[in-house]
Amino acid sequence: MSDFEHPAVAKLDDGSLSLSFADDLYPVDAVYGAAFIFIKRFYVRLDRQGGKTEVVLSPKGGAAFEAADIAREFESEAIGLAWRRQLVDDSRELETAIMTRAFGATSGPAGLDDLLGAGAADAAFDDPLGIAMSWEDKHKKPAADAPAEPDAAAKKP
């Protein structure tokens, strides 16, 4: 026998199934993910009590189910999701190293000071066609109390 703790299973009087998962063995997000998979067939209630996540599954439409089979299926989904999460966490450093070598970054992403100091600030805001101008600025009506511009003919000597 292994020392792996299976979830506590209890079939309730109302036809529901109650499962209890220890947080140190089953990450909470893995149990929540497994519960999400079951919402098509069951009404799901989640609760956290004293380092455990409690899951109560009630069948939709009053369908009959085998408690042990559903408990095994739920536990299998939770273990699978926890395993995927562990793989992502374990491979994060490798992924960062590959991305760094692929894109040639030496010390992480460039900061705002690096971008602005490289002369990119001037080039980034050149807009000779007025494309970046907002619609409100482009079609602004002159204010009624603004002084009118003198005629071009009045300016000629």
C-alpha atoms as a PDB file:
ATOM      1  CA  MET A   1       0.000   0.000   0.000  1.00  0.00           C
ATOM      2  CA  SER A   2       1.203   3.516  -0.693  1.00  0.00           C
ATOM      3  CA  ASP A   3       1.045   6.379   1.754  1.00  0.00           C
ATOM      4  CA  PHE A   4      -0.854   8.485  -0.802  1.00  0.00           C
ATOM      5  CA  GLU A   5      -4.044   9.885   0.714  1.00  0.00           C
ATOM      6  CA  HIS A   6      -7.142   9.430  -1.405  1.00  0.00           C
ATOM      7  CA  PRO A   7      -9.950  11.913  -0.965  1.00  0.00           C
ATOM      8  CA  ALA A   8     -12.558  11.140   1.637  1.00  0.00           C
ATOM      9  CA  VAL A   9     -15.724  10.051  -0.160  1.00  0.00           C
ATOM     10  CA  ALA A  10     -19.221  10.080   1.283  1.00  0.00           C
ATOM     11  CA  LYS A  11     -22.515   9.608  -0.498  1.00  0.00           C
ATOM     12  CA  LEU A  12     -25.028  11.888   1.152  1.00  0.00           C
ATOM     13  CA  ASP A  13     -28.670  11.087   1.864  1.00  0.00           C
ATOM     14  CA  ASP A  14     -29.932  13.505  -0.784  1.00  0.00           C
ATOM     15  CA  GLY A  15     -28.077  11.621  -3.547  1.00  0.00           C
ATOM     16  CA  SER A  16     -25.077  13.953  -3.586  1.00  0.00           C
ATOM     17  CA  LEU A  17     -21.442  12.965  -3.433  1.00  0.00           C
ATOM     18  CA  SER A  18     -19.044  14.681  -1.025  1.00  0.00           C
ATOM     19  CA  LEU A  19     -15.268  14.688  -1.629  1.00  0.00           C
ATOM     20  CA  SER A  20     -12.546  16.175   0.536  1.00  0.00           C
ATOM     21  CA  PHE A  21      -9.093  17.022  -0.875  1.00  0.00           C
ATOM     22  CA  ALA A  22      -6.053  17.940   1.251  1.00  0.00           C
ATOM     23  CA  ASP A  23      -4.519  21.202   0.016  1.00  0.00           C
ATOM     24  CA  ASP A  24      -0.948  19.930   0.426  1.00  0.00           C
ATOM     25  CA  LEU A  25      -1.609  17.030  -2.001  1.00  0.00           C
ATOM     26  CA  TYR A  26      -4.080  18.631  -4.387  1.00  0.00           C
ATOM     27  CA  PRO A  27      -3.494  22.298  -5.288  1.00  0.00           C
ATOM     28  CA  VAL A  28      -6.668  24.336  -4.933  1.00  0.00           C
ATOM     29  CA  ASP A  29      -6.635  25.446  -8.572  1.00  0.00           C
ATOM     30  CA  ALA A  30      -6.406  21.795  -9.686  1.00  0.00           C
ATOM     31  CA  VAL A  31      -9.510  20.901  -7.642  1.00  0.00           C
ATOM     32  CA  TYR A  32     -11.327  23.965  -9.020  1.00  0.00           C
ATOM     33  CA  GLY A  33     -10.343  22.947 -12.559  1.00  0.00           C
ATOM     34  CA  ALA A  34     -11.618  19.420 -12.004  1.00  0.00           C
ATOM     35  CA  ALA A  35     -14.873  20.835 -10.632  1.00  0.00           C
ATOM     36  CA  PHE A  36     -15.243  22.955 -13.773  1.00  0.00           C
ATOM     37  CA  ILE A  37     -15.034  19.816 -15.909  1.00  0.00           C
ATOM     38  CA  PHE A  38     -17.930  18.276 -13.938  1.00  0.00           C
ATOM     39  CA  ILE A  39     -20.369  21.202 -14.159  1.00  0.00           C
ATOM     40  CA  LYS A  40     -22.027  19.801 -17.258  1.00  0.00           C
ATOM     41  CA  ARG A  41     -23.204  16.668 -15.419  1.00  0.00           C
ATOM     42  CA  PHE A  42     -23.369  17.847 -11.783  1.00  0.00           C
ATOM     43  CA  TYR A  43     -24.217  20.830  -9.667  1.00  0.00           C
ATOM     44  CA  VAL A  44     -20.935  21.634  -7.933  1.00  0.00           C
ATOM     45  CA  ARG A  45     -20.426  23.266  -4.552  1.00  0.00           C
ATOM     46  CA  LEU A  46     -16.909  24.103  -3.353  1.00  0.00           C
ATOM     47  CA  ASP A  47     -15.873  24.974   0.173  1.00  0.00           C
ATOM     48  CA  ARG A  48     -12.542  25.325   1.976  1.00  0.00           C
ATOM     49  CA  GLN A  49     -12.191  24.206   5.574  1.00  0.00           C
ATOM     50  CA  GLY A  50      -9.025  23.731   7.611  1.00  0.00           C
ATOM     51  CA  GLY A  51      -6.517  23.010   4.861  1.00  0.00           C
ATOM     52  CA  LYS A  52      -8.963  20.955   2.815  1.00  0.00           C
ATOM     53  CA  THR A  53     -11.133  21.675  -0.173  1.00  0.00           C
ATOM     54  CA  GLU A  54     -14.601  20.187   0.088  1.00  0.00           C
ATOM     55  CA  VAL A  55     -16.488  19.343  -3.106  1.00  0.00           C
ATOM     56  CA  VAL A  56     -20.151  18.350  -3.175  1.00  0.00           C
ATOM     57  CA  LEU A  57     -21.485  16.970  -6.470  1.00  0.00           C
ATOM     58  CA  SER A  58     -25.249  16.688  -7.036  1.00  0.00           C
ATOM     59  CA  PRO A  59     -26.374  15.055 -10.289  1.00  0.00           C
ATOM     60  CA  LYS A  60     -28.390  17.178 -12.694  1.00  0.00           C
ATOM     61  CA  GLY A  61     -31.790  15.750 -13.495  1.00  0.00           C
ATOM     62  CA  GLY A  62     -31.610  13.232 -10.656  1.00  0.00           C
ATOM     63  CA  ALA A  63     -29.580  10.763 -12.706  1.00  0.00           C
ATOM     64  CA  ALA A  64     -28.184   7.780 -10.851  1.00  0.00           C
ATOM     65  CA  PHE A  65     -24.422   7.446 -10.547  1.00  0.00           C
ATOM     66  CA  GLU A  66     -21.846   5.208  -8.911  1.00  0.00           C
ATOM     67  CA  ALA A  67     -20.133   7.210  -6.156  1.00  0.00           C
ATOM     68  CA  ALA A  68     -16.813   5.345  -6.320  1.00  0.00           C
ATOM     69  CA  ASP A  69     -16.554   5.779 -10.110  1.00  0.00           C
ATOM     70  CA  ILE A  70     -17.300   9.506  -9.977  1.00  0.00           C
ATOM     71  CA  ALA A  71     -14.874   9.986  -7.082  1.00  0.00           C
ATOM     72  CA  ARG A  72     -12.114   8.201  -9.038  1.00  0.00           C
ATOM     73  CA  GLU A  73     -12.863  10.262 -12.144  1.00  0.00           C
ATOM     74  CA  PHE A  74     -12.816  13.534 -10.187  1.00  0.00           C
ATOM     75  CA  GLU A  75      -9.571  12.571  -8.438  1.00  0.00           C
ATOM     76  CA  SER A  76      -8.014  11.621 -11.770  1.00  0.00           C
ATOM     77  CA  GLU A  77      -8.912  15.021 -13.251  1.00  0.00           C
ATOM     78  CA  ALA A  78      -7.500  16.814 -10.202  1.00  0.00           C
ATOM     79  CA  ILE A  79      -4.256  14.811 -10.357  1.00  0.00           C
ATOM     80  CA  GLY A  80      -3.937  15.479 -14.098  1.00  0.00           C
ATOM     81  CA  LEU A  81      -4.408  19.218 -13.640  1.00  0.00           C
ATOM     82  CA  ALA A  82      -1.952  19.281 -10.729  1.00  0.00           C
ATOM     83  CA  TRP A  83       0.583  17.412 -12.880  1.00  0.00           C
ATOM     84  CA  ARG A  84       0.182  19.896 -15.741  1.00  0.00           C
ATOM     85  CA  ARG A  85       0.693  22.753 -13.310  1.00  0.00           C
ATOM     86  CA  GLN A  86       3.840  21.113 -11.940  1.00  0.00           C
ATOM     87  CA  LEU A  87       5.199  20.636 -15.473  1.00  0.00           C
ATOM     88  CA  VAL A  88       4.648  24.305 -16.269  1.00  0.00           C
ATOM     89  CA  ASP A  89       6.357  25.384 -13.041  1.00  0.00           C
ATOM     90  CA  ASP A  90       9.293  23.025 -13.613  1.00  0.00           C
ATOM     91  CA  SER A  91       9.838  24.081 -17.223  1.00  0.00           C
ATOM     92  CA  ARG A  92       9.587  27.832 -16.666  1.00  0.00           C
ATOM     93  CA  GLU A  93      13.383  28.298 -16.359  1.00  0.00           C
ATOM     94  CA  LEU A  94      14.020  26.199 -19.480  1.00  0.00           C
ATOM     95  CA  GLU A  95      11.420  28.165 -21.427  1.00  0.00           C
ATOM     96  CA  THR A  96      13.001  31.463 -20.354  1.00  0.00           C
ATOM     97  CA  ALA A  97      16.471  30.239 -21.374  1.00  0.00           C
ATOM     98  CA  ILE A  98      15.220  29.147 -24.808  1.00  0.00           C
ATOM     99  CA  MET A  99      13.401  32.429 -25.399  1.00  0.00           C
ATOM    100  CA  THR A 100      16.460  34.397 -24.305  1.00  0.00           C
ATOM    101  CA  ARG A 101      18.713  32.558 -26.735  1.00  0.00           C
ATOM    102  CA  ALA A 102      16.183  32.684 -29.554  1.00  0.00           C
ATOM    103  CA  PHE A 103      15.583  36.425 -29.365  1.00  0.00           C
ATOM    104  CA  GLY A 104      19.064  37.433 -28.259  1.00  0.00           C
ATOM    105  CA  ALA A 105      18.044  39.160 -25.052  1.00  0.00           C
ATOM    106  CA  THR A 106      20.905  39.398 -22.605  1.00  0.00           C
ATOM    107  CA  SER A 107      19.356  40.768 -19.471  1.00  0.00           C
ATOM    108  CA  GLY A 108      15.626  40.519 -19.798  1.00  0.00           C
ATOM    109  CA  PRO A 109      13.150  42.866 -21.404  1.00  0.00           C
ATOM    110  CA  ALA A 110      14.186  46.411 -22.207  1.00  0.00           C
ATOM    111  CA  GLY A 111      12.929  49.021 -19.795  1.00  0.00           C
ATOM    112  CA  LEU A 112      11.271  52.314 -20.652  1.00  0.00           C
ATOM    113  CA  ASP A 113      14.510  54.220 -20.061  1.00  0.00           C
ATOM    114  CA  ASP A 114      16.306  52.019 -22.595  1.00  0.00           C
ATOM    115  CA  LEU A 115      13.609  52.592 -25.195  1.00  0.00           C
ATOM    116  CA  LEU A 116      13.435  56.346 -24.686  1.00  0.00           C
ATOM    117  CA  GLY A 117      17.229  56.748 -24.605  1.00  0.00           C
ATOM    118  CA  ALA A 118      17.645  55.032 -27.974  1.00  0.00           C
ATOM    119  CA  GLY A 119      15.977  57.879 -29.875  1.00  0.00           C
ATOM    120  CA  ALA A 120      12.845  55.814 -30.374  1.00  0.00           C
ATOM    121  CA  ALA A 121      10.755  58.450 -28.608  1.00  0.00           C
ATOM    122  CA  ASP A 122      11.103  60.928 -31.475  1.00  0.00           C
ATOM    123  CA  ALA A 123      10.427  58.394 -34.204  1.00  0.00           C
ATOM    124  CA  ALA A 124       7.535  56.781 -32.378  1.00  0.00           C
ATOM    125  CA  PHE A 125       5.474  59.979 -32.237  1.00  0.00           C
ATOM    126  CA  ASP A 126       6.098  61.327 -35.759  1.00  0.00           C
ATOM    127  CA  ASP A 127       2.676  61.413 -37.367  1.00  0.00           C
ATOM    128  CA  PRO A 128       2.794  63.560 -40.527  1.00  0.00           C
ATOM    129  CA  LEU A 129      -0.561  62.217 -41.817  1.00  0.00           C
ATOM    130  CA  GLY A 130      -2.396  62.765 -38.537  1.00  0.00           C
ATOM    131  CA  ILE A 131      -3.383  59.123 -38.241  1.00  0.00           C
ATOM    132  CA  ALA A 132      -2.802  58.970 -34.503  1.00  0.00           C
ATOM    133  CA  MET A 133      -4.969  62.021 -33.865  1.00  0.00           C
ATOM    134  CA  SER A 134      -8.270  61.282 -32.144  1.00  0.00           C
ATOM    135  CA  TRP A 135     -11.522  61.847 -33.997  1.00  0.00           C
ATOM    136  CA  GLU A 136     -12.555  64.521 -31.507  1.00  0.00           C
ATOM    137  CA  ASP A 137      -9.342  66.501 -32.062  1.00  0.00           C
ATOM    138  CA  LYS A 138      -9.508  66.118 -35.832  1.00  0.00           C
ATOM    139  CA  HIS A 139     -13.130  67.316 -36.153  1.00  0.00           C
ATOM    140  CA  LYS A 140     -13.194  69.838 -33.317  1.00  0.00           C
ATOM    141  CA  LYS A 141     -15.525  72.783 -33.868  1.00  0.00           C
ATOM    142  CA  PRO A 142     -14.126  76.202 -33.027  1.00  0.00           C
ATOM    143  CA  ALA A 143     -15.428  77.665 -29.794  1.00  0.00           C
ATOM    144  CA  ALA A 144     -18.032  80.441 -30.104  1.00  0.00           C
ATOM    145  CA  ASP A 145     -16.083  82.831 -27.869  1.00  0.00           C
ATOM    146  CA  ALA A 146     -12.761  82.280 -29.678  1.00  0.00           C
ATOM    147  CA  PRO A 147     -11.497  85.301 -31.626  1.00  0.00           C
ATOM    148  CA  ALA A 148     -12.035  84.954 -35.347  1.00  0.00           C
ATOM    149  CA  GLU A 149      -8.978  84.825 -37.595  1.00  0.00           C
ATOM    150  CA  PRO A 150      -8.464  87.932 -39.737  1.00  0.00           C
ATOM    151  CA  ASP A 151      -9.101  87.503 -43.431  1.00  0.00           C
ATOM    152  CA  ALA A 152      -6.151  86.656 -45.611  1.00  0.00           C
ATOM    153  CA  ALA A 153      -6.910  89.708 -47.769  1.00  0.00           C
ATOM    154  CA  ALA A 154      -6.680  92.006 -44.767  1.00  0.00           C
ATOM    155  CA  LYS A 155      -3.182  90.761 -44.056  1.00  0.00           C
ATOM    156  CA  LYS A 156      -1.855  91.828 -47.500  1.00  0.00           C
ATOM    157  CA  PRO A 157      -0.170  95.263 -47.568  1.00  0.00           C
END
